[in-house]
Amino acid sequence: MRTRRPAGRSEAGMVTAETAVVLPVLLFVLAGAVAAVVVVGAQLRCVDAAREATRAAARGEPGAVVVALAAEAAPAGAVTTVGGDTGTVTVTVSATISPLGPLPWHVEVSATATAVREPAAAGSGAP
């Protein structure tokens, strides 16, 4: 037969105390997860912007159009660099982001894409 302990006052606030200890840790983990999602999202936007700009440059679009296409797909404040030689074109898109908003933590994300110039655009000399 089981015996029941009388409810005492010694454990009355244990749940509240445990929650007070664990809550800051949970908030820290949540902030880390949000920051990771923001960084990965910005990285993917840089990859997409570099690919889109490289395709345009390989078709022979002017440099201003290539940079404008990259700016549309890239995170705010991204820097686009277009280079290459007569046979290939390389576009690098990089951005500095703050994954936790106003907190002073900045992460640099970048992506580079390279493509072979199309035959009609190979002689155009566009960067």
C-alpha atoms as a PDB file:
ATOM      1  CA  MET A   1       0.000   0.000   0.000  1.00  0.00           C
ATOM      2  CA  ARG A   2       1.298   3.461  -0.892  1.00  0.00           C
ATOM      3  CA  THR A   3       1.581   6.094   1.687  1.00  0.00           C
ATOM      4  CA  ARG A   4       0.830   9.666   0.835  1.00  0.00           C
ATOM      5  CA  ARG A   5       3.000  12.458   2.006  1.00  0.00           C
ATOM      6  CA  PRO A   6       1.216  15.428   3.356  1.00  0.00           C
ATOM      7  CA  ALA A   7       1.578  18.444   1.102  1.00  0.00           C
ATOM      8  CA  GLY A   8       4.196  20.623   2.708  1.00  0.00           C
ATOM      9  CA  ARG A   9       5.288  24.141   2.137  1.00  0.00           C
ATOM     10  CA  SER A  10       8.887  23.190   1.292  1.00  0.00           C
ATOM     11  CA  GLU A  11       8.137  22.617  -2.433  1.00  0.00           C
ATOM     12  CA  ALA A  12       5.511  25.287  -2.925  1.00  0.00           C
ATOM     13  CA  GLY A  13       7.506  27.565  -5.284  1.00  0.00           C
ATOM     14  CA  MET A  14       9.730  25.054  -7.090  1.00  0.00           C
ATOM     15  CA  VAL A  15       8.028  25.352 -10.480  1.00  0.00           C
ATOM     16  CA  THR A  16       8.311  29.121 -10.402  1.00  0.00           C
ATOM     17  CA  ALA A  17      11.980  28.968  -9.407  1.00  0.00           C
ATOM     18  CA  GLU A  18      12.803  26.415 -12.116  1.00  0.00           C
ATOM     19  CA  THR A  19      11.030  28.501 -14.736  1.00  0.00           C
ATOM     20  CA  ALA A  20      12.915  31.609 -13.647  1.00  0.00           C
ATOM     21  CA  VAL A  21      16.214  29.773 -14.101  1.00  0.00           C
ATOM     22  CA  VAL A  22      15.365  28.105 -17.425  1.00  0.00           C
ATOM     23  CA  LEU A  23      13.580  31.016 -19.141  1.00  0.00           C
ATOM     24  CA  PRO A  24      16.739  33.068 -19.943  1.00  0.00           C
ATOM     25  CA  VAL A  25      18.364  29.972 -21.439  1.00  0.00           C
ATOM     26  CA  LEU A  26      15.309  29.332 -23.613  1.00  0.00           C
ATOM     27  CA  LEU A  27      15.308  32.948 -24.798  1.00  0.00           C
ATOM     28  CA  PHE A  28      18.998  32.705 -25.648  1.00  0.00           C
ATOM     29  CA  VAL A  29      18.407  29.522 -27.672  1.00  0.00           C
ATOM     30  CA  LEU A  30      15.471  31.170 -29.464  1.00  0.00           C
ATOM     31  CA  ALA A  31      17.576  34.232 -30.319  1.00  0.00           C
ATOM     32  CA  GLY A  32      20.305  31.955 -31.691  1.00  0.00           C
ATOM     33  CA  ALA A  33      17.812  30.068 -33.839  1.00  0.00           C
ATOM     34  CA  VAL A  34      16.357  33.304 -35.223  1.00  0.00           C
ATOM     35  CA  ALA A  35      19.851  34.631 -35.968  1.00  0.00           C
ATOM     36  CA  ALA A  36      20.768  31.422 -37.788  1.00  0.00           C
ATOM     37  CA  VAL A  37      17.646  31.625 -39.952  1.00  0.00           C
ATOM     38  CA  VAL A  38      18.376  35.273 -40.813  1.00  0.00           C
ATOM     39  CA  VAL A  39      22.003  34.504 -41.754  1.00  0.00           C
ATOM     40  CA  VAL A  40      21.043  31.514 -43.906  1.00  0.00           C
ATOM     41  CA  GLY A  41      18.312  33.561 -45.606  1.00  0.00           C
ATOM     42  CA  ALA A  42      20.757  36.370 -46.417  1.00  0.00           C
ATOM     43  CA  GLN A  43      23.286  33.853 -47.733  1.00  0.00           C
ATOM     44  CA  LEU A  44      20.673  32.339 -50.035  1.00  0.00           C
ATOM     45  CA  ARG A  45      19.689  35.797 -51.284  1.00  0.00           C
ATOM     46  CA  CYS A  46      23.360  36.464 -52.120  1.00  0.00           C
ATOM     47  CA  VAL A  47      23.572  33.155 -53.992  1.00  0.00           C
ATOM     48  CA  ASP A  48      20.415  33.964 -55.971  1.00  0.00           C
ATOM     49  CA  ALA A  49      21.628  37.487 -56.745  1.00  0.00           C
ATOM     50  CA  ALA A  50      25.033  36.250 -57.928  1.00  0.00           C
ATOM     51  CA  ARG A  51      23.440  33.614 -60.179  1.00  0.00           C
ATOM     52  CA  GLU A  52      20.951  36.048 -61.678  1.00  0.00           C
ATOM     53  CA  ALA A  53      23.620  38.674 -62.336  1.00  0.00           C
ATOM     54  CA  THR A  54      26.001  36.103 -63.815  1.00  0.00           C
ATOM     55  CA  ARG A  55      23.343  34.890 -66.234  1.00  0.00           C
ATOM     56  CA  ALA A  56      22.692  38.456 -67.358  1.00  0.00           C
ATOM     57  CA  ALA A  57      26.396  39.200 -67.773  1.00  0.00           C
ATOM     58  CA  ALA A  58      26.903  35.963 -69.731  1.00  0.00           C
ATOM     59  CA  ARG A  59      24.131  37.075 -72.116  1.00  0.00           C
ATOM     60  CA  GLY A  60      26.032  40.320 -72.734  1.00  0.00           C
ATOM     61  CA  GLU A  61      23.936  42.740 -70.660  1.00  0.00           C
ATOM     62  CA  PRO A  62      25.673  46.028 -69.750  1.00  0.00           C
ATOM     63  CA  GLY A  63      27.394  46.235 -66.356  1.00  0.00           C
ATOM     64  CA  ALA A  64      24.793  48.644 -64.936  1.00  0.00           C
ATOM     65  CA  VAL A  65      21.991  46.200 -65.745  1.00  0.00           C
ATOM     66  CA  VAL A  66      23.937  43.326 -64.172  1.00  0.00           C
ATOM     67  CA  VAL A  67      24.487  45.292 -60.954  1.00  0.00           C
ATOM     68  CA  ALA A  68      20.837  46.407 -60.880  1.00  0.00           C
ATOM     69  CA  LEU A  69      19.627  42.805 -61.233  1.00  0.00           C
ATOM     70  CA  ALA A  70      21.898  41.736 -58.398  1.00  0.00           C
ATOM     71  CA  ALA A  71      20.686  44.596 -56.205  1.00  0.00           C
ATOM     72  CA  GLU A  72      17.051  43.515 -56.662  1.00  0.00           C
ATOM     73  CA  ALA A  73      17.729  40.002 -55.362  1.00  0.00           C
ATOM     74  CA  ALA A  74      20.447  40.729 -52.807  1.00  0.00           C
ATOM     75  CA  PRO A  75      20.031  41.813 -49.177  1.00  0.00           C
ATOM     76  CA  ALA A  76      19.924  45.551 -48.512  1.00  0.00           C
ATOM     77  CA  GLY A  77      23.330  47.219 -48.741  1.00  0.00           C
ATOM     78  CA  ALA A  78      24.950  44.407 -50.723  1.00  0.00           C
ATOM     79  CA  VAL A  79      28.019  45.098 -52.846  1.00  0.00           C
ATOM     80  CA  THR A  80      28.237  43.525 -56.304  1.00  0.00           C
ATOM     81  CA  THR A  81      31.537  42.965 -58.120  1.00  0.00           C
ATOM     82  CA  VAL A  82      31.589  41.933 -61.782  1.00  0.00           C
ATOM     83  CA  GLY A  83      34.726  40.547 -63.358  1.00  0.00           C
ATOM     84  CA  GLY A  84      36.030  37.913 -65.690  1.00  0.00           C
ATOM     85  CA  ASP A  85      37.840  37.596 -68.988  1.00  0.00           C
ATOM     86  CA  THR A  86      36.773  37.245 -72.607  1.00  0.00           C
ATOM     87  CA  GLY A  87      35.455  33.711 -72.087  1.00  0.00           C
ATOM     88  CA  THR A  88      33.929  33.818 -68.610  1.00  0.00           C
ATOM     89  CA  VAL A  89      32.176  36.202 -66.280  1.00  0.00           C
ATOM     90  CA  THR A  90      32.315  36.150 -62.478  1.00  0.00           C
ATOM     91  CA  VAL A  91      29.946  37.993 -60.151  1.00  0.00           C
ATOM     92  CA  THR A  92      30.445  38.278 -56.398  1.00  0.00           C
ATOM     93  CA  VAL A  93      27.694  39.589 -54.132  1.00  0.00           C
ATOM     94  CA  SER A  94      28.528  40.315 -50.497  1.00  0.00           C
ATOM     95  CA  ALA A  95      26.593  41.940 -47.678  1.00  0.00           C
ATOM     96  CA  THR A  96      27.004  42.684 -43.995  1.00  0.00           C
ATOM     97  CA  ILE A  97      23.898  41.864 -41.991  1.00  0.00           C
ATOM     98  CA  SER A  98      22.821  42.244 -38.378  1.00  0.00           C
ATOM     99  CA  PRO A  99      20.929  39.031 -37.615  1.00  0.00           C
ATOM    100  CA  LEU A 100      19.698  40.226 -34.220  1.00  0.00           C
ATOM    101  CA  GLY A 101      18.576  43.675 -35.308  1.00  0.00           C
ATOM    102  CA  PRO A 102      19.955  46.485 -33.167  1.00  0.00           C
ATOM    103  CA  LEU A 103      22.440  44.299 -31.276  1.00  0.00           C
ATOM    104  CA  PRO A 104      26.060  44.983 -32.277  1.00  0.00           C
ATOM    105  CA  TRP A 105      26.694  41.667 -34.010  1.00  0.00           C
ATOM    106  CA  HIS A 106      27.396  41.737 -37.750  1.00  0.00           C
ATOM    107  CA  VAL A 107      27.905  38.821 -40.110  1.00  0.00           C
ATOM    108  CA  GLU A 108      29.438  38.993 -43.582  1.00  0.00           C
ATOM    109  CA  VAL A 109      27.754  36.781 -46.188  1.00  0.00           C
ATOM    110  CA  SER A 110      28.814  36.452 -49.805  1.00  0.00           C
ATOM    111  CA  ALA A 111      28.416  34.313 -52.881  1.00  0.00           C
ATOM    112  CA  THR A 112      30.283  34.028 -56.157  1.00  0.00           C
ATOM    113  CA  ALA A 113      28.980  32.675 -59.453  1.00  0.00           C
ATOM    114  CA  THR A 114      30.897  32.075 -62.668  1.00  0.00           C
ATOM    115  CA  ALA A 115      29.512  31.401 -66.127  1.00  0.00           C
ATOM    116  CA  VAL A 116      30.826  30.999 -69.641  1.00  0.00           C
ATOM    117  CA  ARG A 117      29.929  33.910 -71.897  1.00  0.00           C
ATOM    118  CA  GLU A 118      27.462  33.073 -74.635  1.00  0.00           C
ATOM    119  CA  PRO A 119      28.989  33.102 -78.127  1.00  0.00           C
ATOM    120  CA  ALA A 120      27.036  36.195 -79.197  1.00  0.00           C
ATOM    121  CA  ALA A 121      28.196  38.052 -76.064  1.00  0.00           C
ATOM    122  CA  ALA A 122      31.809  36.831 -75.972  1.00  0.00           C
ATOM    123  CA  GLY A 123      33.030  39.584 -78.259  1.00  0.00           C
ATOM    124  CA  SER A 124      30.949  42.366 -76.725  1.00  0.00           C
ATOM    125  CA  GLY A 125      33.594  43.235 -74.119  1.00  0.00           C
ATOM    126  CA  ALA A 126      31.009  43.802 -71.404  1.00  0.00           C
ATOM    127  CA  PRO A 127      32.398  43.185 -67.895  1.00  0.00           C
END
